[in-house]
Amino acid sequence: METLAVILPSLQPRSWATSIELKDAYLHIPIHQSHHRYLAFRYKGIDYCFRALPFGLSTAPRVFTRVTRVILAFLQ
C-alpha cells in the first residue's frame, strides 16, 4: 500500500486529494468461482462459502494491495 512518504513528493501545486473509507473493501473483491470451495465452511449442517475476499485470509492483504495498486496507478 502506498505510504505518505511515497505520495507527498508526487503532489504538485493545485493538486487535490481525497479520503476513502476502506473498512469493507475486501468484500468488494470477487473470488473466482473455481476457488469458492477453498473458502467454504459448514455451520450447523449448512454449507457456506465466501464469494468475495474474506477478512482473516492470510493472503488477503497481498491480494488487496495488488488490486488497489492497479487502481492507484490509473488515478495517478
PDB file of N, CA and C in Angstrom:
ATOM      1  N   MET A   1       0.844  -1.166   0.000  1.00  0.00           N
ATOM      2  CA  MET A   1       0.000   0.000   0.000  1.00  0.00           C
ATOM      3  C   MET A   1       0.891   1.231   0.000  1.00  0.00           C
ATOM      4  N   GLU A   2       0.478   2.240  -0.701  1.00  0.00           N
ATOM      5  CA  GLU A   2       1.253   3.478  -0.766  1.00  0.00           C
ATOM      6  C   GLU A   2       1.266   4.162   0.600  1.00  0.00           C
ATOM      7  N   THR A   3       2.394   4.760   0.942  1.00  0.00           N
ATOM      8  CA  THR A   3       2.511   5.484   2.206  1.00  0.00           C
ATOM      9  C   THR A   3       2.608   6.972   1.925  1.00  0.00           C
ATOM     10  N   LEU A   4       2.478   7.780   2.956  1.00  0.00           N
ATOM     11  CA  LEU A   4       2.603   9.230   2.789  1.00  0.00           C
ATOM     12  C   LEU A   4       3.981   9.604   2.263  1.00  0.00           C
ATOM     13  N   ALA A   5       4.998   8.856   2.664  1.00  0.00           N
ATOM     14  CA  ALA A   5       6.354   9.138   2.186  1.00  0.00           C
ATOM     15  C   ALA A   5       6.451   9.018   0.669  1.00  0.00           C
ATOM     16  N   VAL A   6       5.636   8.167   0.084  1.00  0.00           N
ATOM     17  CA  VAL A   6       5.628   7.992  -1.372  1.00  0.00           C
ATOM     18  C   VAL A   6       4.704   9.009  -2.035  1.00  0.00           C
ATOM     19  N   ILE A   7       3.572   9.271  -1.415  1.00  0.00           N
ATOM     20  CA  ILE A   7       2.553  10.123  -2.025  1.00  0.00           C
ATOM     21  C   ILE A   7       2.914  11.606  -1.972  1.00  0.00           C
ATOM     22  N   LEU A   8       3.377  12.090  -0.826  1.00  0.00           N
ATOM     23  CA  LEU A   8       3.612  13.528  -0.667  1.00  0.00           C
ATOM     24  C   LEU A   8       4.570  14.120  -1.700  1.00  0.00           C
ATOM     25  N   PRO A   9       5.693  13.492  -2.013  1.00  0.00           N
ATOM     26  CA  PRO A   9       6.578  14.080  -3.022  1.00  0.00           C
ATOM     27  C   PRO A   9       5.944  14.178  -4.416  1.00  0.00           C
ATOM     28  N   SER A  10       4.949  13.373  -4.688  1.00  0.00           N
ATOM     29  CA  SER A  10       4.332  13.405  -6.015  1.00  0.00           C
ATOM     30  C   SER A  10       3.251  14.476  -6.143  1.00  0.00           C
ATOM     31  N   LEU A  11       2.869  15.110  -5.042  1.00  0.00           N
ATOM     32  CA  LEU A  11       1.841  16.151  -5.106  1.00  0.00           C
ATOM     33  C   LEU A  11       2.404  17.424  -5.724  1.00  0.00           C
ATOM     34  N   GLN A  12       1.639  18.017  -6.569  1.00  0.00           N
ATOM     35  CA  GLN A  12       2.007  19.258  -7.240  1.00  0.00           C
ATOM     36  C   GLN A  12       1.119  20.385  -6.714  1.00  0.00           C
ATOM     37  N   PRO A  13       1.534  21.653  -6.922  1.00  0.00           N
ATOM     38  CA  PRO A  13       0.632  22.749  -6.557  1.00  0.00           C
ATOM     39  C   PRO A  13      -0.712  22.569  -7.269  1.00  0.00           C
ATOM     40  N   ARG A  14      -1.751  22.900  -6.587  1.00  0.00           N
ATOM     41  CA  ARG A  14      -3.126  22.772  -7.079  1.00  0.00           C
ATOM     42  C   ARG A  14      -3.564  21.314  -7.232  1.00  0.00           C
ATOM     43  N   SER A  15      -2.819  20.413  -6.648  1.00  0.00           N
ATOM     44  CA  SER A  15      -3.251  19.013  -6.631  1.00  0.00           C
ATOM     45  C   SER A  15      -4.409  18.878  -5.651  1.00  0.00           C
ATOM     46  N   TRP A  16      -5.159  17.846  -5.820  1.00  0.00           N
ATOM     47  CA  TRP A  16      -6.233  17.583  -4.875  1.00  0.00           C
ATOM     48  C   TRP A  16      -6.066  16.175  -4.340  1.00  0.00           C
ATOM     49  N   ALA A  17      -6.658  15.931  -3.210  1.00  0.00           N
ATOM     50  CA  ALA A  17      -6.575  14.615  -2.578  1.00  0.00           C
ATOM     51  C   ALA A  17      -7.953  14.250  -2.044  1.00  0.00           C
ATOM     52  N   THR A  18      -8.111  13.007  -1.749  1.00  0.00           N
ATOM     53  CA  THR A  18      -9.382  12.532  -1.207  1.00  0.00           C
ATOM     54  C   THR A  18      -9.111  11.451  -0.179  1.00  0.00           C
ATOM     55  N   SER A  19     -10.101  11.148   0.569  1.00  0.00           N
ATOM     56  CA  SER A  19     -10.024  10.084   1.564  1.00  0.00           C
ATOM     57  C   SER A  19     -11.116   9.070   1.253  1.00  0.00           C
ATOM     58  N   ILE A  20     -10.771   7.806   1.328  1.00  0.00           N
ATOM     59  CA  ILE A  20     -11.726   6.748   1.022  1.00  0.00           C
ATOM     60  C   ILE A  20     -11.796   5.800   2.215  1.00  0.00           C
ATOM     61  N   GLU A  21     -13.001   5.474   2.631  1.00  0.00           N
ATOM     62  CA  GLU A  21     -13.200   4.512   3.722  1.00  0.00           C
ATOM     63  C   GLU A  21     -13.055   3.103   3.161  1.00  0.00           C
ATOM     64  N   LEU A  22     -12.083   2.374   3.635  1.00  0.00           N
ATOM     65  CA  LEU A  22     -11.801   1.036   3.116  1.00  0.00           C
ATOM     66  C   LEU A  22     -12.210  -0.066   4.092  1.00  0.00           C
ATOM     67  N   LYS A  23     -13.077   0.263   5.030  1.00  0.00           N
ATOM     68  CA  LYS A  23     -13.474  -0.687   6.073  1.00  0.00           C
ATOM     69  C   LYS A  23     -13.978  -2.015   5.509  1.00  0.00           C
ATOM     70  N   ASP A  24     -14.797  -1.978   4.481  1.00  0.00           N
ATOM     71  CA  ASP A  24     -15.369  -3.188   3.890  1.00  0.00           C
ATOM     72  C   ASP A  24     -14.815  -3.466   2.495  1.00  0.00           C
ATOM     73  N   ALA A  25     -13.652  -2.930   2.197  1.00  0.00           N
ATOM     74  CA  ALA A  25     -13.121  -3.013   0.836  1.00  0.00           C
ATOM     75  C   ALA A  25     -12.867  -4.448   0.378  1.00  0.00           C
ATOM     76  N   TYR A  26     -12.410  -5.311   1.272  1.00  0.00           N
ATOM     77  CA  TYR A  26     -12.146  -6.697   0.872  1.00  0.00           C
ATOM     78  C   TYR A  26     -13.393  -7.343   0.282  1.00  0.00           C
ATOM     79  N   LEU A  27     -14.545  -6.998   0.827  1.00  0.00           N
ATOM     80  CA  LEU A  27     -15.795  -7.632   0.408  1.00  0.00           C
ATOM     81  C   LEU A  27     -16.230  -7.215  -0.991  1.00  0.00           C
ATOM     82  N   HIS A  28     -15.516  -6.292  -1.609  1.00  0.00           N
ATOM     83  CA  HIS A  28     -15.820  -5.859  -2.975  1.00  0.00           C
ATOM     84  C   HIS A  28     -14.892  -6.496  -4.005  1.00  0.00           C
ATOM     85  N   ILE A  29     -14.006  -7.366  -3.547  1.00  0.00           N
ATOM     86  CA  ILE A  29     -13.096  -8.056  -4.457  1.00  0.00           C
ATOM     87  C   ILE A  29     -13.610  -9.481  -4.633  1.00  0.00           C
ATOM     88  N   PRO A  30     -14.148  -9.799  -5.804  1.00  0.00           N
ATOM     89  CA  PRO A  30     -14.748 -11.124  -6.002  1.00  0.00           C
ATOM     90  C   PRO A  30     -13.700 -12.235  -6.063  1.00  0.00           C
ATOM     91  N   ILE A  31     -14.124 -13.414  -5.660  1.00  0.00           N
ATOM     92  CA  ILE A  31     -13.307 -14.620  -5.732  1.00  0.00           C
ATOM     93  C   ILE A  31     -13.783 -15.429  -6.932  1.00  0.00           C
ATOM     94  N   HIS A  32     -12.859 -15.906  -7.743  1.00  0.00           N
ATOM     95  CA  HIS A  32     -13.224 -16.718  -8.907  1.00  0.00           C
ATOM     96  C   HIS A  32     -14.011 -17.941  -8.441  1.00  0.00           C
ATOM     97  N   GLN A  33     -15.040 -18.295  -9.184  1.00  0.00           N
ATOM     98  CA  GLN A  33     -15.942 -19.374  -8.794  1.00  0.00           C
ATOM     99  C   GLN A  33     -15.208 -20.694  -8.532  1.00  0.00           C
ATOM    100  N   SER A  34     -14.162 -20.962  -9.266  1.00  0.00           N
ATOM    101  CA  SER A  34     -13.431 -22.219  -9.066  1.00  0.00           C
ATOM    102  C   SER A  34     -12.717 -22.274  -7.711  1.00  0.00           C
ATOM    103  N   HIS A  35     -12.578 -21.132  -7.039  1.00  0.00           N
ATOM    104  CA  HIS A  35     -11.907 -21.095  -5.737  1.00  0.00           C
ATOM    105  C   HIS A  35     -12.884 -21.037  -4.567  1.00  0.00           C
ATOM    106  N   HIS A  36     -14.178 -20.950  -4.839  1.00  0.00           N
ATOM    107  CA  HIS A  36     -15.161 -20.874  -3.752  1.00  0.00           C
ATOM    108  C   HIS A  36     -15.031 -22.056  -2.797  1.00  0.00           C
ATOM    109  N   ARG A  37     -14.775 -23.240  -3.320  1.00  0.00           N
ATOM    110  CA  ARG A  37     -14.725 -24.433  -2.458  1.00  0.00           C
ATOM    111  C   ARG A  37     -13.589 -24.365  -1.443  1.00  0.00           C
ATOM    112  N   TYR A  38     -12.549 -23.586  -1.723  1.00  0.00           N
ATOM    113  CA  TYR A  38     -11.441 -23.458  -0.781  1.00  0.00           C
ATOM    114  C   TYR A  38     -11.756 -22.475   0.345  1.00  0.00           C
ATOM    115  N   LEU A  39     -12.798 -21.696   0.151  1.00  0.00           N
ATOM    116  CA  LEU A  39     -13.182 -20.698   1.149  1.00  0.00           C
ATOM    117  C   LEU A  39     -14.546 -21.033   1.740  1.00  0.00           C
ATOM    118  N   ALA A  40     -14.830 -22.314   1.862  1.00  0.00           N
ATOM    119  CA  ALA A  40     -16.129 -22.765   2.355  1.00  0.00           C
ATOM    120  C   ALA A  40     -15.999 -23.349   3.760  1.00  0.00           C
ATOM    121  N   PHE A  41     -17.114 -23.338   4.458  1.00  0.00           N
ATOM    122  CA  PHE A  41     -17.170 -23.953   5.779  1.00  0.00           C
ATOM    123  C   PHE A  41     -18.601 -24.426   6.038  1.00  0.00           C
ATOM    124  N   ARG A  42     -18.744 -25.283   7.016  1.00  0.00           N
ATOM    125  CA  ARG A  42     -20.061 -25.815   7.374  1.00  0.00           C
ATOM    126  C   ARG A  42     -20.378 -25.379   8.802  1.00  0.00           C
ATOM    127  N   TYR A  43     -21.579 -24.863   8.979  1.00  0.00           N
ATOM    128  CA  TYR A  43     -22.039 -24.439  10.296  1.00  0.00           C
ATOM    129  C   TYR A  43     -23.449 -24.967  10.508  1.00  0.00           C
ATOM    130  N   LYS A  44     -23.634 -25.756  11.559  1.00  0.00           N
ATOM    131  CA  LYS A  44     -24.931 -26.368  11.884  1.00  0.00           C
ATOM    132  C   LYS A  44     -25.538 -27.083  10.681  1.00  0.00           C
ATOM    133  N   GLY A  45     -24.681 -27.809   9.959  1.00  0.00           N
ATOM    134  CA  GLY A  45     -25.142 -28.612   8.837  1.00  0.00           C
ATOM    135  C   GLY A  45     -25.402 -27.852   7.549  1.00  0.00           C
ATOM    136  N   ILE A  46     -25.120 -26.566   7.533  1.00  0.00           N
ATOM    137  CA  ILE A  46     -25.334 -25.758   6.326  1.00  0.00           C
ATOM    138  C   ILE A  46     -23.976 -25.330   5.789  1.00  0.00           C
ATOM    139  N   ASP A  47     -23.777 -25.502   4.489  1.00  0.00           N
ATOM    140  CA  ASP A  47     -22.524 -25.104   3.844  1.00  0.00           C
ATOM    141  C   ASP A  47     -22.579 -23.637   3.442  1.00  0.00           C
ATOM    142  N   TYR A  48     -21.501 -22.921   3.725  1.00  0.00           N
ATOM    143  CA  TYR A  48     -21.358 -21.518   3.354  1.00  0.00           C
ATOM    144  C   TYR A  48     -20.041 -21.374   2.605  1.00  0.00           C
ATOM    145  N   CYS A  49     -19.969 -20.426   1.679  1.00  0.00           N
ATOM    146  CA  CYS A  49     -18.692 -20.135   1.028  1.00  0.00           C
ATOM    147  C   CYS A  49     -18.599 -18.640   0.762  1.00  0.00           C
ATOM    148  N   PHE A  50     -17.385 -18.156   0.859  1.00  0.00           N
ATOM    149  CA  PHE A  50     -17.136 -16.751   0.564  1.00  0.00           C
ATOM    150  C   PHE A  50     -17.085 -16.578  -0.944  1.00  0.00           C
ATOM    151  N   ARG A  51     -17.764 -15.570  -1.432  1.00  0.00           N
ATOM    152  CA  ARG A  51     -17.718 -15.231  -2.851  1.00  0.00           C
ATOM    153  C   ARG A  51     -16.916 -13.955  -3.072  1.00  0.00           C
ATOM    154  N   ALA A  52     -16.476 -13.383  -1.972  1.00  0.00           N
ATOM    155  CA  ALA A  52     -15.640 -12.187  -2.013  1.00  0.00           C
ATOM    156  C   ALA A  52     -14.473 -12.412  -1.058  1.00  0.00           C
ATOM    157  N   LEU A  53     -13.456 -11.608  -1.189  1.00  0.00           N
ATOM    158  CA  LEU A  53     -12.243 -11.745  -0.381  1.00  0.00           C
ATOM    159  C   LEU A  53     -12.580 -11.594   1.103  1.00  0.00           C
ATOM    160  N   PRO A  54     -12.373 -12.640   1.903  1.00  0.00           N
ATOM    161  CA  PRO A  54     -12.735 -12.559   3.321  1.00  0.00           C
ATOM    162  C   PRO A  54     -11.634 -11.915   4.159  1.00  0.00           C
ATOM    163  N   PHE A  55     -12.044 -11.265   5.235  1.00  0.00           N
ATOM    164  CA  PHE A  55     -11.096 -10.778   6.222  1.00  0.00           C
ATOM    165  C   PHE A  55     -10.531 -11.990   6.954  1.00  0.00           C
ATOM    166  N   GLY A  56      -9.270 -11.943   7.324  1.00  0.00           N
ATOM    167  CA  GLY A  56      -8.660 -13.042   8.057  1.00  0.00           C
ATOM    168  C   GLY A  56      -7.921 -14.036   7.186  1.00  0.00           C
ATOM    169  N   LEU A  57      -8.133 -14.008   5.894  1.00  0.00           N
ATOM    170  CA  LEU A  57      -7.397 -14.882   4.982  1.00  0.00           C
ATOM    171  C   LEU A  57      -5.956 -14.381   4.917  1.00  0.00           C
ATOM    172  N   SER A  58      -4.990 -15.264   5.089  1.00  0.00           N
ATOM    173  CA  SER A  58      -3.592 -14.820   5.191  1.00  0.00           C
ATOM    174  C   SER A  58      -3.100 -14.092   3.945  1.00  0.00           C
ATOM    175  N   THR A  59      -3.629 -14.419   2.778  1.00  0.00           N
ATOM    176  CA  THR A  59      -3.185 -13.759   1.548  1.00  0.00           C
ATOM    177  C   THR A  59      -4.035 -12.544   1.175  1.00  0.00           C
ATOM    178  N   ALA A  60      -5.069 -12.248   1.948  1.00  0.00           N
ATOM    179  CA  ALA A  60      -5.973 -11.143   1.613  1.00  0.00           C
ATOM    180  C   ALA A  60      -5.264  -9.787   1.503  1.00  0.00           C
ATOM    181  N   PRO A  61      -4.379  -9.417   2.421  1.00  0.00           N
ATOM    182  CA  PRO A  61      -3.711  -8.119   2.276  1.00  0.00           C
ATOM    183  C   PRO A  61      -2.909  -8.006   0.975  1.00  0.00           C
ATOM    184  N   ARG A  62      -2.237  -9.084   0.597  1.00  0.00           N
ATOM    185  CA  ARG A  62      -1.455  -9.057  -0.649  1.00  0.00           C
ATOM    186  C   ARG A  62      -2.362  -8.906  -1.865  1.00  0.00           C
ATOM    187  N   VAL A  63      -3.449  -9.662  -1.887  1.00  0.00           N
ATOM    188  CA  VAL A  63      -4.399  -9.571  -2.998  1.00  0.00           C
ATOM    189  C   VAL A  63      -4.984  -8.166  -3.063  1.00  0.00           C
ATOM    190  N   PHE A  64      -5.388  -7.635  -1.921  1.00  0.00           N
ATOM    191  CA  PHE A  64      -5.977  -6.297  -1.885  1.00  0.00           C
ATOM    192  C   PHE A  64      -4.980  -5.245  -2.370  1.00  0.00           C
ATOM    193  N   THR A  65      -3.733  -5.353  -1.941  1.00  0.00           N
ATOM    194  CA  THR A  65      -2.708  -4.397  -2.369  1.00  0.00           C
ATOM    195  C   THR A  65      -2.484  -4.464  -3.872  1.00  0.00           C
ATOM    196  N   ARG A  66      -2.470  -5.661  -4.437  1.00  0.00           N
ATOM    197  CA  ARG A  66      -2.281  -5.800  -5.888  1.00  0.00           C
ATOM    198  C   ARG A  66      -3.430  -5.153  -6.655  1.00  0.00           C
ATOM    199  N   VAL A  67      -4.646  -5.340  -6.175  1.00  0.00           N
ATOM    200  CA  VAL A  67      -5.813  -4.758  -6.846  1.00  0.00           C
ATOM    201  C   VAL A  67      -5.796  -3.238  -6.730  1.00  0.00           C
ATOM    202  N   THR A  68      -5.547  -2.727  -5.538  1.00  0.00           N
ATOM    203  CA  THR A  68      -5.573  -1.273  -5.361  1.00  0.00           C
ATOM    204  C   THR A  68      -4.394  -0.596  -6.055  1.00  0.00           C
ATOM    205  N   ARG A  69      -3.280  -1.284  -6.186  1.00  0.00           N
ATOM    206  CA  ARG A  69      -2.132  -0.698  -6.888  1.00  0.00           C
ATOM    207  C   ARG A  69      -2.491  -0.388  -8.343  1.00  0.00           C
ATOM    208  N   VAL A  70      -3.235  -1.273  -8.979  1.00  0.00           N
ATOM    209  CA  VAL A  70      -3.678  -1.046 -10.362  1.00  0.00           C
ATOM    210  C   VAL A  70      -4.589   0.175 -10.429  1.00  0.00           C
ATOM    211  N   ILE A  71      -5.500   0.277  -9.481  1.00  0.00           N
ATOM    212  CA  ILE A  71      -6.428   1.416  -9.455  1.00  0.00           C
ATOM    213  C   ILE A  71      -5.673   2.712  -9.206  1.00  0.00           C
ATOM    214  N   LEU A  72      -4.763   2.713  -8.238  1.00  0.00           N
ATOM    215  CA  LEU A  72      -3.998   3.920  -7.934  1.00  0.00           C
ATOM    216  C   LEU A  72      -3.121   4.343  -9.106  1.00  0.00           C
ATOM    217  N   ALA A  73      -2.550   3.400  -9.806  1.00  0.00           N
ATOM    218  CA  ALA A  73      -1.728   3.734 -10.975  1.00  0.00           C
ATOM    219  C   ALA A  73      -2.570   4.436 -12.027  1.00  0.00           C
ATOM    220  N   PHE A  74      -3.798   3.982 -12.203  1.00  0.00           N
ATOM    221  CA  PHE A  74      -4.699   4.618 -13.165  1.00  0.00           C
ATOM    222  C   PHE A  74      -5.040   6.039 -12.721  1.00  0.00           C
ATOM    223  N   LEU A  75      -5.262   6.247 -11.434  1.00  0.00           N
ATOM    224  CA  LEU A  75      -5.658   7.562 -10.924  1.00  0.00           C
ATOM    225  C   LEU A  75      -4.507   8.558 -10.904  1.00  0.00           C
ATOM    226  N   GLN A  76      -3.289   8.064 -10.801  1.00  0.00           N
ATOM    227  CA  GLN A  76      -2.148   8.981 -10.765  1.00  0.00           C
ATOM    228  C   GLN A  76      -1.866   9.445 -12.158  1.00  0.00           C
TER     229      GLN A  76
END
